[in-house]
Amino acid sequence: MPKRPIRSSVALRYDESSPAPIVVAKGTGRTAERIDGLAEASGVPVIRDDAIVAGLEPVDIGEFVPPEYWELVARVLAFIRKVRP
């Protein structure tokens, strides 16, 4: 039976007074599942995008998203605003 890939998750926070989104949590495996579960239970949208997660994994918690990922993250934020009431 093939092994399932290890799940990774990065949680971001953004408000318009901030220069960029900030990484507030990240993890792999059970930690990623917990991050996603807490987000879903709190009504926070969960978007699965392996490219964004892979790019943000080296960013420490409490740091801003680097400029090279702003466009990708902006697309996610725009999508969330569009589908969220």
Protein backbone atom coordinates (compact mmCIF):
# COMPACT_ATOMS: atom_id res chain seq x y z
CA MET A 1 0.00 0.00 0.00
CA PRO A 2 1.49 3.40 -0.97
CA LYS A 3 2.35 5.79 1.83
CA ARG A 4 0.25 8.92 2.15
CA PRO A 5 2.29 12.10 1.86
CA ILE A 6 2.85 13.91 5.14
CA ARG A 7 0.44 16.77 5.41
CA SER A 8 1.79 20.26 6.07
CA SER A 9 -0.08 23.39 7.06
CA VAL A 10 0.70 27.08 7.42
CA ALA A 11 -1.75 29.47 9.09
CA LEU A 12 -1.71 33.13 8.16
CA ARG A 13 -3.25 36.25 9.65
CA TYR A 14 -3.76 39.45 7.73
CA ASP A 15 -5.36 42.75 8.48
CA GLU A 16 -5.20 45.75 6.23
CA SER A 17 -3.10 47.77 8.67
CA SER A 18 -0.30 45.23 8.31
CA PRO A 19 2.29 45.45 5.50
CA ALA A 20 1.87 41.73 4.69
CA PRO A 21 0.24 38.58 6.05
CA ILE A 22 2.03 37.04 9.02
CA VAL A 23 2.65 33.35 9.72
CA VAL A 24 0.87 32.49 12.96
CA ALA A 25 1.20 28.69 12.98
CA LYS A 26 2.76 25.92 10.94
CA GLY A 27 3.41 22.23 11.21
CA THR A 28 3.39 18.80 9.62
CA GLY A 29 1.57 15.56 10.32
CA ARG A 30 -0.63 15.68 13.39
CA THR A 31 0.26 19.31 14.04
CA ALA A 32 -0.98 20.22 10.54
CA GLU A 33 -4.18 18.26 11.13
CA ARG A 34 -4.69 20.11 14.42
CA ILE A 35 -4.09 23.52 12.80
CA ASP A 36 -6.61 22.73 10.06
CA GLY A 37 -9.12 21.31 12.54
CA LEU A 38 -8.94 24.36 14.79
CA ALA A 39 -9.35 26.65 11.81
CA GLU A 40 -12.37 24.76 10.52
CA ALA A 41 -13.96 24.61 13.99
CA SER A 42 -13.48 28.38 14.29
CA GLY A 43 -15.01 29.10 10.90
CA VAL A 44 -11.68 30.07 9.36
CA PRO A 45 -11.43 29.01 5.70
CA VAL A 46 -8.85 26.32 4.95
CA ILE A 47 -7.30 26.42 1.49
CA ARG A 48 -5.02 23.58 0.49
CA ASP A 49 -2.20 24.75 -1.76
CA ASP A 50 1.00 22.71 -1.61
CA ALA A 51 3.05 25.35 -3.49
CA ILE A 52 2.23 28.09 -0.99
CA VAL A 53 2.81 25.79 1.99
CA ALA A 54 6.16 24.62 0.61
CA GLY A 55 7.25 28.20 0.00
CA LEU A 56 6.20 29.36 3.45
CA GLU A 57 7.62 26.45 5.46
CA PRO A 58 11.00 28.20 5.95
CA VAL A 59 9.26 31.34 7.27
CA ASP A 60 9.28 31.44 11.07
CA ILE A 61 6.13 31.94 13.10
CA GLY A 62 5.68 35.66 13.70
CA GLU A 63 7.37 36.67 10.44
CA PHE A 64 5.73 38.34 7.46
CA VAL A 65 5.11 36.43 4.24
CA PRO A 66 8.05 37.23 1.91
CA PRO A 67 7.29 39.43 -1.13
CA GLU A 68 7.81 36.58 -3.60
CA TYR A 69 4.64 34.92 -2.20
CA TRP A 70 2.45 38.03 -1.96
CA GLU A 71 0.71 37.41 -5.28
CA LEU A 72 -0.16 33.79 -4.43
CA VAL A 73 -1.35 34.71 -0.95
CA ALA A 74 -3.33 37.67 -2.34
CA ARG A 75 -5.19 35.28 -4.67
CA VAL A 76 -6.09 33.08 -1.71
CA LEU A 77 -7.27 36.07 0.35
CA ALA A 78 -9.33 37.36 -2.59
CA PHE A 79 -10.94 33.94 -3.00
CA ILE A 80 -11.78 33.78 0.71
CA ARG A 81 -13.38 37.23 0.64
CA LYS A 82 -15.41 36.22 -2.40
CA VAL A 83 -16.86 33.06 -0.84
CA ARG A 84 -17.14 34.21 2.76
CA PRO A 85 -20.40 35.91 3.80
